[in-house]
N, C-alpha and C. Protein backbone atom coordinates (compact mmCIF):
# COMPACT_ATOMS: atom_id res chain seq x y z
N UNK A 1 56.38 74.56 132.22
CA UNK A 1 55.31 73.34 131.17
C UNK A 1 54.65 74.34 131.12
N UNK A 2 53.73 74.43 129.49
CA UNK A 2 52.64 75.26 128.76
C UNK A 2 51.84 76.27 130.10
N UNK A 3 52.05 77.07 129.99
CA UNK A 3 50.65 78.33 131.18
C UNK A 3 49.75 78.76 130.08
N UNK A 4 48.61 78.04 129.09
CA UNK A 4 48.03 78.74 128.70
C UNK A 4 46.33 78.14 129.81
N UNK A 5 45.28 78.44 129.13
CA UNK A 5 44.25 78.32 130.72
C UNK A 5 44.78 77.41 130.72
N UNK A 6 44.29 76.83 131.66
CA UNK A 6 44.06 75.51 132.38
C UNK A 6 42.36 74.88 132.69
N UNK A 7 42.18 73.64 132.98
CA UNK A 7 41.16 73.17 133.19
C UNK A 7 40.50 73.52 134.11
N UNK A 8 38.94 74.39 134.55
CA UNK A 8 38.82 74.42 135.33
C UNK A 8 37.60 73.39 136.84
N UNK A 9 38.53 72.26 136.86
CA UNK A 9 38.40 71.63 137.06
C UNK A 9 36.92 71.30 138.81
N UNK A 10 36.38 70.56 139.61
CA UNK A 10 35.91 70.30 140.79
C UNK A 10 37.03 70.78 141.31
N UNK A 11 38.83 69.90 141.53
CA UNK A 11 39.54 70.01 142.14
C UNK A 11 39.76 71.48 142.20
N UNK A 12 40.01 72.24 140.82
CA UNK A 12 40.17 72.66 140.59
C UNK A 12 39.95 74.27 141.88
N UNK A 13 38.00 74.30 141.91
CA UNK A 13 37.85 74.55 142.46
C UNK A 13 37.50 74.33 143.54
N UNK A 14 37.47 73.59 143.51
CA UNK A 14 37.96 73.18 145.64
C UNK A 14 39.44 73.51 146.34
N UNK A 15 40.42 74.03 145.34
CA UNK A 15 41.88 74.73 146.26
C UNK A 15 41.75 75.69 145.75
N UNK A 16 41.24 76.71 145.02
CA UNK A 16 41.03 77.92 144.88
C UNK A 16 40.11 78.03 146.25
N UNK A 17 38.71 77.42 146.62
CA UNK A 17 38.48 77.70 148.11
C UNK A 17 38.86 77.57 149.47
N UNK A 18 39.92 76.74 149.53
CA UNK A 18 40.87 77.27 149.73
C UNK A 18 42.08 77.62 150.21
N UNK A 19 42.11 78.30 149.49
CA UNK A 19 42.99 79.55 148.71
C UNK A 19 44.15 78.98 148.19
N UNK A 20 44.57 77.59 148.32
CA UNK A 20 45.64 76.35 147.73
C UNK A 20 45.82 77.20 145.93
N UNK A 21 46.89 77.64 144.85
CA UNK A 21 47.11 78.19 143.52
C UNK A 21 48.41 77.03 143.17
N UNK A 22 48.32 75.77 142.61
CA UNK A 22 48.96 75.13 141.90
C UNK A 22 50.74 75.71 141.68
N UNK A 23 51.18 74.96 142.38
CA UNK A 23 52.53 76.34 141.34
C UNK A 23 53.53 75.61 140.64
N UNK A 24 51.87 74.85 139.68
CA UNK A 24 52.61 74.61 138.48
C UNK A 24 51.14 73.19 137.86
N UNK A 25 51.33 73.94 136.59
CA UNK A 25 50.58 72.81 136.37
C UNK A 25 50.60 72.42 134.12
N UNK A 26 50.02 71.18 133.87
CA UNK A 26 50.23 70.63 132.34
C UNK A 26 49.36 69.89 132.32
N UNK A 27 49.12 70.44 131.23
CA UNK A 27 48.27 69.51 129.64
C UNK A 27 48.53 68.99 129.09
N UNK A 28 48.35 67.71 128.35
CA UNK A 28 49.41 66.72 127.96
C UNK A 28 47.54 65.78 127.16
N UNK A 29 48.53 65.38 125.59
CA UNK A 29 48.29 63.85 125.70
C UNK A 29 47.06 62.76 126.04
N UNK A 30 46.16 62.70 126.64
CA UNK A 30 45.90 61.30 127.59
C UNK A 30 45.97 60.21 126.92
N UNK A 31 47.04 59.29 127.35
CA UNK A 31 46.88 58.04 126.52
C UNK A 31 46.03 57.00 128.08
N UNK A 32 44.94 55.94 127.59
CA UNK A 32 45.11 55.23 128.18
C UNK A 32 46.17 54.51 128.90
N UNK A 33 46.11 53.95 130.42
CA UNK A 33 47.00 53.08 130.82
C UNK A 33 48.31 53.99 130.69
N UNK A 34 48.04 54.88 130.44
CA UNK A 34 49.65 55.39 130.39
C UNK A 34 50.42 55.96 132.13
N UNK A 35 49.08 56.33 132.83
CA UNK A 35 48.87 56.71 134.62
C UNK A 35 50.05 57.42 134.87
N UNK A 36 50.64 56.88 135.94
CA UNK A 36 51.78 58.24 136.70
C UNK A 36 52.84 57.85 135.80
N UNK A 37 53.26 56.69 134.81
CA UNK A 37 54.00 57.38 134.39
C UNK A 37 54.73 57.42 133.21
N UNK A 38 53.66 57.73 132.35
CA UNK A 38 53.16 58.28 131.31
C UNK A 38 53.38 60.46 132.25
N UNK A 39 53.36 60.57 132.34
CA UNK A 39 52.44 61.96 133.86
C UNK A 39 54.38 61.81 134.01
N UNK A 40 54.64 61.09 134.24
CA UNK A 40 56.10 61.24 135.12
C UNK A 40 56.56 61.50 133.71
N UNK A 41 56.56 61.03 132.01
CA UNK A 41 57.53 61.35 131.21
C UNK A 41 57.17 62.24 130.71
N UNK A 42 56.57 63.13 130.54
CA UNK A 42 56.16 64.68 129.25
C UNK A 42 56.32 65.48 131.10
N UNK A 43 56.02 65.06 132.17
CA UNK A 43 57.16 65.90 133.10
C UNK A 43 57.94 66.49 133.15
N UNK A 44 58.66 64.71 132.55
CA UNK A 44 60.62 65.15 132.71
C UNK A 44 60.83 64.68 133.99
N UNK A 45 60.09 65.20 135.73
CA UNK A 45 59.67 64.19 136.50
C UNK A 45 60.00 62.54 137.13
N UNK A 46 60.38 62.96 138.45
CA UNK A 46 61.53 61.24 138.71
C UNK A 46 59.39 61.02 139.09
N UNK A 47 59.39 59.52 139.13
CA UNK A 47 58.05 58.81 139.07
C UNK A 47 57.59 59.05 140.88
N UNK A 48 59.30 58.77 141.54
CA UNK A 48 58.80 59.49 143.29
C UNK A 48 57.43 60.10 143.33
N UNK A 49 57.95 61.60 142.39
CA UNK A 49 57.28 62.73 143.02
C UNK A 49 56.11 62.83 141.83
N UNK A 50 55.01 61.45 141.41
CA UNK A 50 53.97 61.56 140.41
C UNK A 50 52.84 60.64 141.36
N UNK A 51 51.96 61.78 142.06
CA UNK A 51 51.56 60.63 143.34
C UNK A 51 49.37 60.75 142.35
N UNK A 52 49.47 59.42 143.09
CA UNK A 52 48.82 58.06 142.17
C UNK A 52 47.05 58.57 143.32
N UNK A 53 46.21 58.95 142.44
CA UNK A 53 45.03 58.90 143.71
C UNK A 53 44.55 57.66 143.00
N UNK A 54 43.86 56.67 144.03
CA UNK A 54 43.40 55.26 143.60
C UNK A 54 42.02 54.65 144.73
N UNK A 55 41.00 54.91 144.67
CA UNK A 55 39.64 54.91 144.79
C UNK A 55 39.52 53.17 145.18
N UNK A 56 39.55 52.54 146.69
CA UNK A 56 39.00 51.05 146.81
C UNK A 56 37.57 50.77 147.16
N UNK A 57 37.74 50.10 146.86
CA UNK A 57 36.20 49.74 147.85
C UNK A 57 36.37 48.46 148.53
N UNK A 58 34.94 48.16 150.12
CA UNK A 58 35.71 47.56 150.59
C UNK A 58 34.36 46.81 151.15
N UNK A 59 34.56 45.88 151.55
CA UNK A 59 34.08 44.21 151.70
C UNK A 59 32.05 44.84 151.98
N UNK A 60 32.12 46.00 151.77
CA UNK A 60 30.66 46.42 152.62
C UNK A 60 30.12 47.44 151.50
N UNK A 61 30.74 47.40 150.43
CA UNK A 61 30.37 48.64 149.01
C UNK A 61 30.16 50.07 149.38
N UNK A 62 31.62 50.42 150.93
CA UNK A 62 31.82 51.75 150.68
C UNK A 62 33.92 51.55 150.35
N UNK A 63 33.68 53.06 149.54
CA UNK A 63 34.52 53.34 149.75
C UNK A 63 35.77 53.98 150.18
N UNK A 64 37.21 55.03 149.60
CA UNK A 64 38.16 55.64 150.62
C UNK A 64 38.77 55.36 149.33
N UNK A 65 39.44 56.20 149.24
CA UNK A 65 40.54 56.86 148.62
C UNK A 65 42.24 57.17 148.65
N UNK A 66 43.27 56.02 148.08
CA UNK A 66 44.63 56.28 149.03
C UNK A 66 45.54 57.42 147.97
N UNK A 67 46.09 58.02 148.34
CA UNK A 67 47.30 58.98 147.69
C UNK A 67 48.68 57.71 147.83
N UNK A 68 49.20 57.39 146.22
CA UNK A 68 50.57 56.51 146.67
C UNK A 68 51.42 57.69 145.48
N UNK A 69 52.32 57.22 145.56
CA UNK A 69 53.88 57.36 145.04
C UNK A 69 53.43 56.70 143.80
N UNK A 70 53.65 57.60 142.46
CA UNK A 70 53.80 56.76 141.37
C UNK A 70 54.96 55.41 140.94
N UNK A 71 55.30 55.47 142.30
CA UNK A 71 56.81 54.07 141.45
C UNK A 71 56.14 52.84 142.55
N UNK A 72 55.11 53.50 143.44
CA UNK A 72 54.63 52.51 144.31
C UNK A 72 53.27 50.79 143.94
N UNK A 73 52.95 50.32 145.04
CA UNK A 73 52.14 50.86 145.02
C UNK A 73 51.29 50.53 146.28
N UNK A 74 49.99 50.09 146.13
CA UNK A 74 49.41 50.38 147.82
C UNK A 74 49.35 48.62 148.51
N UNK A 75 49.22 48.95 149.19
CA UNK A 75 48.71 47.40 149.77
C UNK A 75 48.17 47.65 150.25
N UNK A 76 47.04 46.52 149.52
CA UNK A 76 45.96 46.73 149.98
C UNK A 76 45.42 45.99 151.22
N UNK A 77 46.23 44.77 152.12
CA UNK A 77 46.28 44.23 153.26
C UNK A 77 46.64 44.87 154.00
N UNK A 78 47.35 46.20 153.94
CA UNK A 78 47.99 46.25 154.92
C UNK A 78 46.54 47.86 155.17
N UNK A 79 46.50 48.56 154.17
CA UNK A 79 46.00 49.43 154.08
C UNK A 79 44.29 49.05 154.65
N UNK A 80 44.04 47.92 154.53
CA UNK A 80 42.06 47.06 154.88
C UNK A 80 42.67 47.18 156.35
N UNK A 81 43.60 46.20 156.82
CA UNK A 81 43.82 46.15 158.18
C UNK A 81 43.76 47.28 159.05
N UNK A 82 45.24 48.64 159.05
CA UNK A 82 44.64 50.03 158.94
C UNK A 82 43.99 50.62 159.19
N UNK A 83 43.05 50.63 158.58
CA UNK A 83 40.91 50.86 158.09
C UNK A 83 39.72 50.30 159.21
N UNK A 84 40.41 48.83 159.15
CA UNK A 84 39.81 47.70 160.23
C UNK A 84 38.72 47.63 159.35
N UNK A 85 38.78 47.48 158.19
CA UNK A 85 37.98 46.17 157.06
C UNK A 85 38.58 44.71 156.45
N UNK A 86 37.36 44.12 156.53
CA UNK A 86 38.02 43.47 156.05
C UNK A 86 39.35 42.73 154.74
N UNK A 87 38.72 43.57 154.10
CA UNK A 87 39.23 43.00 152.44
C UNK A 87 39.40 44.70 151.88
N UNK A 88 39.56 44.63 150.64
CA UNK A 88 40.00 45.91 149.89
C UNK A 88 40.05 45.51 148.67
N UNK A 89 39.12 45.92 147.10
CA UNK A 89 39.76 46.07 145.88
C UNK A 89 39.63 47.76 145.84
N UNK A 90 40.42 47.62 143.86
CA UNK A 90 40.01 48.92 143.85
C UNK A 90 38.86 48.76 142.87
N UNK A 91 38.17 49.81 142.77
CA UNK A 91 36.49 50.70 142.38
C UNK A 91 36.82 50.27 141.12
N UNK A 92 35.65 49.67 140.33
CA UNK A 92 35.69 49.78 138.77
C UNK A 92 35.77 51.17 138.60
N UNK A 93 36.44 51.58 137.47
CA UNK A 93 36.55 52.46 136.98
C UNK A 93 34.88 53.24 137.35
N UNK A 94 33.34 53.09 137.13
CA UNK A 94 32.36 53.07 136.60
C UNK A 94 31.63 53.56 138.36
N UNK A 95 32.47 52.30 139.71
CA UNK A 95 31.55 52.75 140.89
C UNK A 95 32.68 54.21 141.03
N UNK A 96 33.97 53.77 140.64
CA UNK A 96 34.72 55.58 141.17
C UNK A 96 34.58 56.00 140.37
N UNK A 97 34.46 56.63 139.44
CA UNK A 97 33.21 57.78 138.62
C UNK A 97 31.96 58.32 139.01
N UNK A 98 31.19 57.20 140.20
CA UNK A 98 30.00 57.69 140.52
C UNK A 98 30.24 58.73 141.95
N UNK A 99 31.33 57.63 143.14
CA UNK A 99 31.50 58.34 143.69
C UNK A 99 32.86 60.28 143.96
N UNK A 100 33.91 59.78 142.88
CA UNK A 100 34.32 61.64 142.64
C UNK A 100 33.67 62.15 141.83
N UNK A 101 33.21 61.87 140.65
CA UNK A 101 32.87 62.45 139.91
C UNK A 101 33.35 62.84 138.62
N UNK A 102 35.06 62.44 139.01
CA UNK A 102 35.50 62.68 137.70
C UNK A 102 36.17 60.81 136.67
N UNK A 103 36.23 60.79 135.29
CA UNK A 103 37.28 59.40 134.97
C UNK A 103 38.17 58.92 134.76
N UNK A 104 38.19 57.61 135.06
CA UNK A 104 39.29 57.03 135.48
C UNK A 104 40.34 57.94 134.57
N UNK A 105 41.32 57.46 135.22
CA UNK A 105 42.31 58.30 134.36
C UNK A 105 42.25 59.97 134.47
N UNK A 106 41.08 60.09 135.50
CA UNK A 106 41.81 62.15 135.70
C UNK A 106 41.04 61.98 137.17
N UNK A 107 41.06 60.97 138.26
CA UNK A 107 40.59 61.49 139.88
C UNK A 107 41.34 61.43 140.36
N UNK A 108 40.77 63.36 141.00
CA UNK A 108 41.87 64.39 142.11
C UNK A 108 41.05 63.58 142.92
N UNK A 109 41.64 63.23 144.24
CA UNK A 109 41.20 63.73 145.60
C UNK A 109 40.82 64.90 146.37
N UNK A 110 40.52 66.19 145.16
CA UNK A 110 40.22 67.30 145.87
C UNK A 110 38.91 67.31 144.73
N UNK A 111 37.42 67.61 145.44
CA UNK A 111 36.82 68.30 144.88
C UNK A 111 35.90 66.54 144.65
N UNK A 112 36.03 65.69 145.05
CA UNK A 112 34.78 65.26 145.41
C UNK A 112 33.76 65.05 145.47
N UNK A 113 32.92 64.04 144.28
CA UNK A 113 31.67 64.29 144.63
C UNK A 113 30.82 64.43 145.90
N UNK A 114 31.28 62.66 146.53
CA UNK A 114 31.17 62.06 147.24
C UNK A 114 31.66 62.46 148.36
N UNK A 115 31.89 63.14 149.82
CA UNK A 115 33.60 62.68 150.38
C UNK A 115 33.31 61.17 150.94
N UNK A 116 34.91 61.06 151.21
CA UNK A 116 35.66 59.20 150.66
C UNK A 116 36.44 59.56 152.03
N UNK A 117 36.46 58.91 153.00
CA UNK A 117 38.29 58.39 153.47
C UNK A 117 39.04 58.88 152.33
N UNK A 118 40.11 59.45 152.88
CA UNK A 118 41.56 60.18 151.57
C UNK A 118 43.24 59.57 153.30
N UNK A 119 43.60 58.90 152.40
CA UNK A 119 44.26 58.52 153.50
C UNK A 119 45.47 58.51 152.19
N UNK A 120 47.03 59.19 153.22
CA UNK A 120 48.18 60.01 151.55
C UNK A 120 49.32 58.59 152.40
N UNK A 121 49.76 58.20 151.82
CA UNK A 121 51.08 57.50 152.27
C UNK A 121 51.73 58.67 152.67
N UNK A 122 52.94 58.13 154.06
CA UNK A 122 53.77 59.01 154.36
C UNK A 122 55.01 59.66 153.84
N UNK A 123 55.36 58.63 153.27
CA UNK A 123 56.57 59.27 152.64
C UNK A 123 55.98 60.57 151.10
N UNK A 124 54.99 60.98 151.22
CA UNK A 124 55.31 62.16 150.21
C UNK A 124 54.25 63.43 151.38
N UNK A 125 54.93 62.53 151.89
CA UNK A 125 55.05 64.04 152.09
C UNK A 125 56.28 64.40 152.88
N UNK A 126 57.48 63.49 152.73
CA UNK A 126 58.46 64.64 152.25
C UNK A 126 58.76 64.95 151.51
N UNK A 127 58.18 64.88 150.75
CA UNK A 127 58.81 65.18 149.33
C UNK A 127 58.71 66.85 149.13
N UNK A 128 59.65 67.93 148.30
CA UNK A 128 59.16 68.94 148.29
C UNK A 128 58.11 69.68 148.20
N UNK A 129 57.82 68.64 146.73
CA UNK A 129 56.60 68.65 145.90
C UNK A 129 56.44 67.76 144.96
N UNK A 130 54.77 67.95 144.55
CA UNK A 130 54.08 66.53 143.84
C UNK A 130 53.45 66.67 143.39
N UNK A 131 53.51 66.12 142.12
CA UNK A 131 52.22 66.48 141.01
C UNK A 131 50.92 65.48 141.33
N UNK A 132 49.99 66.04 141.19
CA UNK A 132 48.45 65.40 141.04
C UNK A 132 48.16 64.88 140.03
N UNK A 133 46.33 64.30 139.98
CA UNK A 133 46.07 65.31 138.67
C UNK A 133 45.12 65.76 139.43
N UNK A 134 44.66 66.21 138.12
CA UNK A 134 43.82 67.91 138.49
C UNK A 134 42.48 68.00 138.67
N UNK A 135 41.93 66.52 137.78
CA UNK A 135 40.46 66.43 137.40
C UNK A 135 40.18 65.99 136.73
N UNK A 136 41.11 65.89 135.83
CA UNK A 136 41.11 65.67 133.90
C UNK A 136 42.08 65.39 133.34
N UNK A 137 41.90 63.81 132.86
CA UNK A 137 42.59 63.00 131.91
C UNK A 137 43.53 64.26 131.61
N UNK A 138 44.60 63.82 131.42
CA UNK A 138 46.07 64.75 130.86
C UNK A 138 46.33 65.89 131.65
N UNK A 139 45.56 66.19 133.36
CA UNK A 139 45.86 67.56 133.68
C UNK A 139 46.17 67.36 134.77
N UNK A 140 47.81 67.44 134.82
CA UNK A 140 48.65 67.22 136.24
C UNK A 140 48.80 69.14 137.09
N UNK A 141 48.62 68.49 138.87
CA UNK A 141 48.92 70.17 139.10
C UNK A 141 50.12 69.71 140.29
N UNK A 142 51.02 70.61 140.15
CA UNK A 142 52.35 70.51 141.34
C UNK A 142 52.05 70.83 142.77
N UNK A 143 51.83 70.87 143.65
CA UNK A 143 51.54 71.54 145.08
C UNK A 143 53.03 70.59 145.95
N UNK A 144 52.34 71.35 147.77
CA UNK A 144 53.35 70.84 148.02
C UNK A 144 52.76 69.80 149.27
N UNK A 145 53.51 68.94 150.08
CA UNK A 145 53.10 68.28 150.78
C UNK A 145 51.72 68.70 151.81
N UNK A 146 51.79 70.27 152.40
CA UNK A 146 50.75 70.87 153.18
C UNK A 146 50.31 71.57 152.94
N UNK A 147 49.64 71.09 151.31
CA UNK A 147 48.62 71.34 150.57
C UNK A 147 46.62 70.24 150.93
N UNK A 148 47.77 69.34 151.48
CA UNK A 148 46.85 67.72 151.53
C UNK A 148 46.04 68.31 153.18
N UNK A 149 46.39 68.42 153.74
CA UNK A 149 45.95 69.30 155.32
C UNK A 149 44.35 68.98 154.34
N UNK A 150 44.27 70.08 153.76
CA UNK A 150 42.65 70.16 152.91
C UNK A 150 42.09 69.61 153.57
N UNK A 151 42.06 68.12 153.14
CA UNK A 151 41.57 66.87 152.22
C UNK A 151 41.18 66.34 153.67
N UNK A 152 41.87 66.38 155.00
CA UNK A 152 41.94 65.70 156.42
C UNK A 152 42.09 64.66 156.19
N UNK A 153 43.35 64.25 155.51
CA UNK A 153 43.83 62.66 155.17
C UNK A 153 44.90 61.92 156.78
N UNK A 154 44.31 60.57 156.20
CA UNK A 154 44.98 59.56 157.52
C UNK A 154 46.43 59.21 156.93
N UNK A 155 47.60 59.72 157.28
CA UNK A 155 48.97 59.33 157.28
C UNK A 155 48.60 57.90 157.41
N UNK A 156 49.58 57.51 156.76
CA UNK A 156 49.66 55.80 156.22
C UNK A 156 50.33 55.29 155.72
N UNK A 157 51.01 53.72 156.49
CA UNK A 157 52.67 53.52 155.79
C UNK A 157 51.96 52.33 154.62
N UNK A 158 51.54 52.54 153.60
CA UNK A 158 50.46 50.96 153.25
C UNK A 158 51.68 50.60 151.51
N UNK A 159 52.81 51.25 150.88
CA UNK A 159 54.03 51.92 150.04
C UNK A 159 54.22 50.00 149.91
N UNK A 160 54.38 49.39 148.75
CA UNK A 160 54.77 47.26 149.00
C UNK A 160 55.42 47.92 147.86
């Protein structure tokens, strides 16, 4: 991975404040709708080890964040049931930006502008390491599952 200077985003500031240093990082040319698949290709990594950050909105217009492996989808029905909501759908890019402070395609669960509940797919915790967005389009950071504890997440089984 490239070792030049990486961006100091709110996510990086948050991690630094928690004394967490990413194991590695990668900057690449972001492609709209490239998503986790593009990141996995650039990283030459298994798509399962690239974690997506997805912002959802419920029927009361309240948000939450789900972390999911790149090769899986979130069952919004199961997530709604687990969280006691009637329904959930992915938030619009505009709404997600208002809550997180990040542009669509650059959303990180770290350093959110608005505190939102975080839900982590349980199989992410079984990985030796994973890659996740560092708070900028085309910026991935490598972490270990133990690093997620700083988010005080709820561990759930929501993959399909």
